N, C-alpha and C. Protein backbone atom coordinates (compact mmCIF):
# COMPACT_ATOMS: atom_id res chain seq x y z
N UNK A 1 -8.52 36.81 -5.88
CA UNK A 1 -9.76 36.14 -5.51
C UNK A 1 -10.94 37.10 -5.59
N UNK A 2 -10.70 38.36 -5.36
CA UNK A 2 -11.79 39.33 -5.42
C UNK A 2 -12.34 39.44 -6.84
N UNK A 3 -11.45 39.38 -7.83
CA UNK A 3 -11.89 39.50 -9.22
C UNK A 3 -12.67 38.27 -9.68
N UNK A 4 -12.44 37.11 -9.05
CA UNK A 4 -13.16 35.91 -9.46
C UNK A 4 -14.62 35.94 -9.05
N UNK A 5 -14.92 36.57 -7.92
CA UNK A 5 -16.31 36.70 -7.47
C UNK A 5 -16.98 35.35 -7.27
N UNK A 6 -18.12 35.12 -7.91
CA UNK A 6 -18.89 33.89 -7.75
C UNK A 6 -18.18 32.69 -8.36
N UNK A 7 -17.21 32.91 -9.22
CA UNK A 7 -16.50 31.81 -9.87
C UNK A 7 -15.63 31.02 -8.89
N UNK A 8 -15.28 31.63 -7.77
CA UNK A 8 -14.48 30.91 -6.76
C UNK A 8 -15.28 29.74 -6.20
N UNK A 9 -16.61 29.87 -6.17
CA UNK A 9 -17.47 28.77 -5.73
C UNK A 9 -17.27 27.55 -6.64
N UNK A 10 -17.18 27.78 -7.94
CA UNK A 10 -16.98 26.69 -8.90
C UNK A 10 -15.63 26.00 -8.64
N UNK A 11 -14.62 26.77 -8.31
CA UNK A 11 -13.30 26.19 -8.01
C UNK A 11 -13.40 25.28 -6.80
N UNK A 12 -13.97 25.76 -5.71
CA UNK A 12 -14.09 24.94 -4.50
C UNK A 12 -15.02 23.74 -4.71
N UNK A 13 -16.09 23.92 -5.45
CA UNK A 13 -17.01 22.81 -5.73
C UNK A 13 -16.29 21.72 -6.53
N UNK A 14 -15.48 22.11 -7.49
CA UNK A 14 -14.73 21.15 -8.29
C UNK A 14 -13.73 20.39 -7.43
N UNK A 15 -13.05 21.09 -6.54
CA UNK A 15 -12.10 20.43 -5.63
C UNK A 15 -12.83 19.42 -4.74
N UNK A 16 -13.98 19.82 -4.20
CA UNK A 16 -14.74 18.92 -3.32
C UNK A 16 -15.25 17.68 -4.05
N UNK A 17 -15.77 17.85 -5.24
CA UNK A 17 -16.26 16.71 -6.01
C UNK A 17 -15.10 15.78 -6.37
N UNK A 18 -13.99 16.35 -6.76
CA UNK A 18 -12.82 15.53 -7.07
C UNK A 18 -12.32 14.77 -5.86
N UNK A 19 -12.32 15.41 -4.68
CA UNK A 19 -11.89 14.74 -3.45
C UNK A 19 -12.84 13.62 -3.07
N UNK A 20 -14.15 13.85 -3.22
CA UNK A 20 -15.13 12.80 -2.90
C UNK A 20 -14.92 11.59 -3.80
N UNK A 21 -14.69 11.81 -5.08
CA UNK A 21 -14.45 10.71 -6.00
C UNK A 21 -13.18 9.95 -5.65
N UNK A 22 -12.13 10.68 -5.32
CA UNK A 22 -10.86 10.04 -4.97
C UNK A 22 -11.00 9.24 -3.69
N UNK A 23 -11.59 9.81 -2.66
CA UNK A 23 -11.71 9.10 -1.39
C UNK A 23 -12.64 7.91 -1.49
N UNK A 24 -13.67 8.00 -2.32
CA UNK A 24 -14.57 6.85 -2.44
C UNK A 24 -13.87 5.67 -3.10
N UNK A 25 -12.86 5.93 -3.91
CA UNK A 25 -12.10 4.85 -4.54
C UNK A 25 -10.96 4.34 -3.66
N UNK A 26 -10.40 5.19 -2.82
CA UNK A 26 -9.21 4.85 -2.04
C UNK A 26 -9.56 4.26 -0.68
N UNK A 27 -10.54 4.84 0.01
CA UNK A 27 -10.88 4.42 1.38
C UNK A 27 -11.85 3.24 1.30
N UNK A 28 -11.54 2.12 1.99
CA UNK A 28 -12.43 0.96 1.92
C UNK A 28 -13.74 1.19 2.67
N UNK A 29 -14.79 0.52 2.23
CA UNK A 29 -16.11 0.61 2.86
C UNK A 29 -16.09 -0.15 4.18
N UNK A 30 -16.58 0.46 5.24
CA UNK A 30 -16.59 -0.19 6.55
C UNK A 30 -18.01 -0.39 7.09
N UNK A 31 -19.01 -0.07 6.29
CA UNK A 31 -20.39 -0.23 6.74
C UNK A 31 -20.70 -1.72 6.93
N UNK A 32 -21.33 -2.05 8.04
CA UNK A 32 -21.75 -3.42 8.38
C UNK A 32 -20.57 -4.37 8.52
N UNK A 33 -19.43 -3.85 8.94
CA UNK A 33 -18.25 -4.69 9.19
C UNK A 33 -17.96 -4.67 10.68
N UNK A 34 -17.46 -5.78 11.18
CA UNK A 34 -17.10 -5.84 12.60
C UNK A 34 -15.74 -5.19 12.80
N UNK A 35 -15.42 -4.89 14.04
CA UNK A 35 -14.11 -4.31 14.35
C UNK A 35 -12.99 -5.28 14.01
N UNK A 36 -13.26 -6.57 14.15
CA UNK A 36 -12.24 -7.57 13.81
C UNK A 36 -11.95 -7.55 12.31
N UNK A 37 -12.99 -7.40 11.51
CA UNK A 37 -12.79 -7.31 10.07
C UNK A 37 -12.05 -6.04 9.69
N UNK A 38 -12.33 -4.94 10.39
CA UNK A 38 -11.64 -3.69 10.10
C UNK A 38 -10.16 -3.75 10.46
N UNK A 39 -9.82 -4.51 11.51
CA UNK A 39 -8.40 -4.71 11.83
C UNK A 39 -7.67 -5.30 10.65
N UNK A 40 -8.29 -6.28 10.01
CA UNK A 40 -7.67 -6.94 8.85
C UNK A 40 -7.64 -5.99 7.65
N UNK A 41 -8.73 -5.25 7.41
CA UNK A 41 -8.81 -4.35 6.27
C UNK A 41 -7.73 -3.28 6.34
N UNK A 42 -7.55 -2.68 7.51
CA UNK A 42 -6.60 -1.59 7.64
C UNK A 42 -5.19 -2.06 8.00
N UNK A 43 -4.98 -3.37 8.04
CA UNK A 43 -3.63 -3.91 8.21
C UNK A 43 -3.10 -3.92 9.62
N UNK A 44 -3.95 -3.80 10.62
CA UNK A 44 -3.48 -3.85 12.01
C UNK A 44 -3.07 -5.26 12.39
N UNK A 45 -3.66 -6.25 11.72
CA UNK A 45 -3.37 -7.64 12.01
C UNK A 45 -3.60 -8.43 10.71
N UNK A 46 -2.86 -9.51 10.56
CA UNK A 46 -3.02 -10.30 9.33
C UNK A 46 -4.22 -11.24 9.45
N UNK A 47 -4.70 -11.71 8.33
CA UNK A 47 -5.84 -12.63 8.31
C UNK A 47 -5.50 -13.92 9.03
N UNK A 48 -4.28 -14.41 8.84
CA UNK A 48 -3.88 -15.66 9.49
C UNK A 48 -3.84 -15.52 11.01
N UNK A 49 -3.32 -14.40 11.48
CA UNK A 49 -3.27 -14.16 12.93
C UNK A 49 -4.67 -14.05 13.51
N UNK A 50 -5.58 -13.37 12.80
CA UNK A 50 -6.95 -13.22 13.26
C UNK A 50 -7.62 -14.59 13.34
N UNK A 51 -7.42 -15.45 12.33
CA UNK A 51 -8.00 -16.79 12.36
C UNK A 51 -7.43 -17.61 13.51
N UNK A 52 -6.14 -17.47 13.75
CA UNK A 52 -5.49 -18.20 14.84
C UNK A 52 -6.09 -17.76 16.19
N UNK A 53 -6.30 -16.46 16.37
CA UNK A 53 -6.91 -15.96 17.61
C UNK A 53 -8.32 -16.52 17.81
N UNK A 54 -9.11 -16.57 16.74
CA UNK A 54 -10.47 -17.08 16.83
C UNK A 54 -10.47 -18.55 17.19
N UNK A 55 -9.59 -19.32 16.55
CA UNK A 55 -9.50 -20.76 16.86
C UNK A 55 -9.04 -20.99 18.29
N UNK A 56 -8.11 -20.20 18.76
CA UNK A 56 -7.62 -20.32 20.14
C UNK A 56 -8.74 -20.02 21.14
N UNK A 57 -9.52 -18.97 20.88
CA UNK A 57 -10.63 -18.63 21.77
C UNK A 57 -11.71 -19.71 21.74
N UNK A 58 -11.97 -20.26 20.56
CA UNK A 58 -12.96 -21.32 20.43
C UNK A 58 -12.51 -22.56 21.20
N UNK A 59 -11.23 -22.89 21.13
CA UNK A 59 -10.69 -24.05 21.86
C UNK A 59 -10.79 -23.83 23.36
N UNK A 60 -10.51 -22.61 23.82
CA UNK A 60 -10.63 -22.31 25.25
C UNK A 60 -12.08 -22.38 25.71
N UNK A 61 -13.00 -21.93 24.87
CA UNK A 61 -14.42 -21.94 25.22
C UNK A 61 -14.94 -23.37 25.34
N UNK A 62 -14.46 -24.26 24.48
CA UNK A 62 -14.94 -25.64 24.48
C UNK A 62 -14.23 -26.51 25.51
N UNK A 63 -13.24 -25.96 26.20
CA UNK A 63 -12.49 -26.70 27.20
C UNK A 63 -13.38 -27.00 28.40
N UNK A 64 -13.31 -28.22 28.96
CA UNK A 64 -14.12 -28.54 30.14
C UNK A 64 -13.76 -27.64 31.32
N UNK A 65 -14.76 -27.22 32.04
CA UNK A 65 -14.54 -26.37 33.22
C UNK A 65 -14.44 -24.90 32.89
N UNK A 66 -14.65 -24.54 31.64
CA UNK A 66 -14.59 -23.14 31.24
C UNK A 66 -15.85 -22.43 31.69
N UNK A 67 -15.69 -21.28 32.32
CA UNK A 67 -16.84 -20.49 32.76
C UNK A 67 -16.97 -19.28 31.85
N UNK A 68 -18.15 -19.07 31.35
CA UNK A 68 -18.41 -17.87 30.57
C UNK A 68 -18.80 -16.76 31.53
N UNK A 69 -17.83 -15.92 31.88
CA UNK A 69 -18.07 -14.88 32.88
C UNK A 69 -18.94 -13.75 32.34
N UNK A 70 -19.03 -13.63 31.02
CA UNK A 70 -19.84 -12.55 30.46
C UNK A 70 -21.33 -12.79 30.65
N UNK A 71 -21.73 -14.05 30.83
CA UNK A 71 -23.16 -14.33 30.95
C UNK A 71 -23.65 -14.26 32.39
N UNK A 72 -22.73 -14.19 33.36
CA UNK A 72 -23.16 -14.11 34.75
C UNK A 72 -23.60 -12.69 35.05
N UNK A 73 -24.69 -12.57 35.75
CA UNK A 73 -25.16 -11.24 36.10
C UNK A 73 -25.03 -11.07 37.60
N UNK A 74 -24.51 -9.95 37.98
CA UNK A 74 -24.42 -9.64 39.40
C UNK A 74 -24.89 -8.22 39.61
N UNK A 75 -25.42 -7.98 40.75
CA UNK A 75 -25.93 -6.66 41.06
C UNK A 75 -24.95 -5.88 41.92
N UNK A 76 -23.68 -6.29 41.90
CA UNK A 76 -22.67 -5.58 42.67
C UNK A 76 -22.48 -4.19 42.09
N UNK A 77 -22.38 -3.23 42.98
CA UNK A 77 -22.14 -1.85 42.56
C UNK A 77 -20.64 -1.68 42.36
N UNK A 78 -20.24 -1.60 41.12
CA UNK A 78 -18.82 -1.46 40.80
C UNK A 78 -18.56 -0.01 40.50
N UNK A 79 -17.60 0.55 41.23
CA UNK A 79 -17.25 1.96 41.01
C UNK A 79 -15.82 2.04 40.49
N UNK A 80 -15.63 2.93 39.57
CA UNK A 80 -14.31 3.14 39.00
C UNK A 80 -13.75 4.41 39.62
N UNK A 81 -12.51 4.33 40.09
CA UNK A 81 -11.88 5.50 40.68
C UNK A 81 -11.49 6.48 39.58
N UNK A 82 -12.01 7.66 39.64
CA UNK A 82 -11.71 8.68 38.64
C UNK A 82 -10.73 9.68 39.19
N UNK A 83 -10.46 10.71 38.43
CA UNK A 83 -9.56 11.77 38.90
C UNK A 83 -10.14 12.46 40.13
N UNK A 84 -9.27 12.89 41.02
CA UNK A 84 -9.72 13.48 42.27
C UNK A 84 -10.41 14.82 42.08
N UNK A 85 -10.18 15.48 40.94
CA UNK A 85 -10.81 16.79 40.73
C UNK A 85 -12.31 16.67 40.48
N UNK A 86 -12.82 15.47 40.17
CA UNK A 86 -14.26 15.28 39.93
C UNK A 86 -14.98 14.76 41.16
N UNK A 87 -14.30 14.56 42.27
CA UNK A 87 -14.94 14.01 43.47
C UNK A 87 -15.76 15.05 44.17
C-alpha cells in the first residue's frame, strides 16, 4: 500500500462508487412512505394481511358506541416509572 501512494484513493473511490450504484438498485426507496407501506415492502407482513387489518380497524371505528380515545384531551399528569438509578 505504501508503493501505491495517491493511487489507493482511486481504489477506495471506485469501491465506494460501485457500492453506491449497487445499493441504489438493490435497496428500495422509502422516502414519503408510511411505516405500514414499509412493512409490506420489507416483507414483515403481506399485502393481504395489511388490507385485512385496515378493514378490521375501519369496521371497529364505524361500530356504534365506538369511542375515539385518541381525540380526547386530558390534562392528567402521567408519569412513567423509570429505572431506580435515575430517581
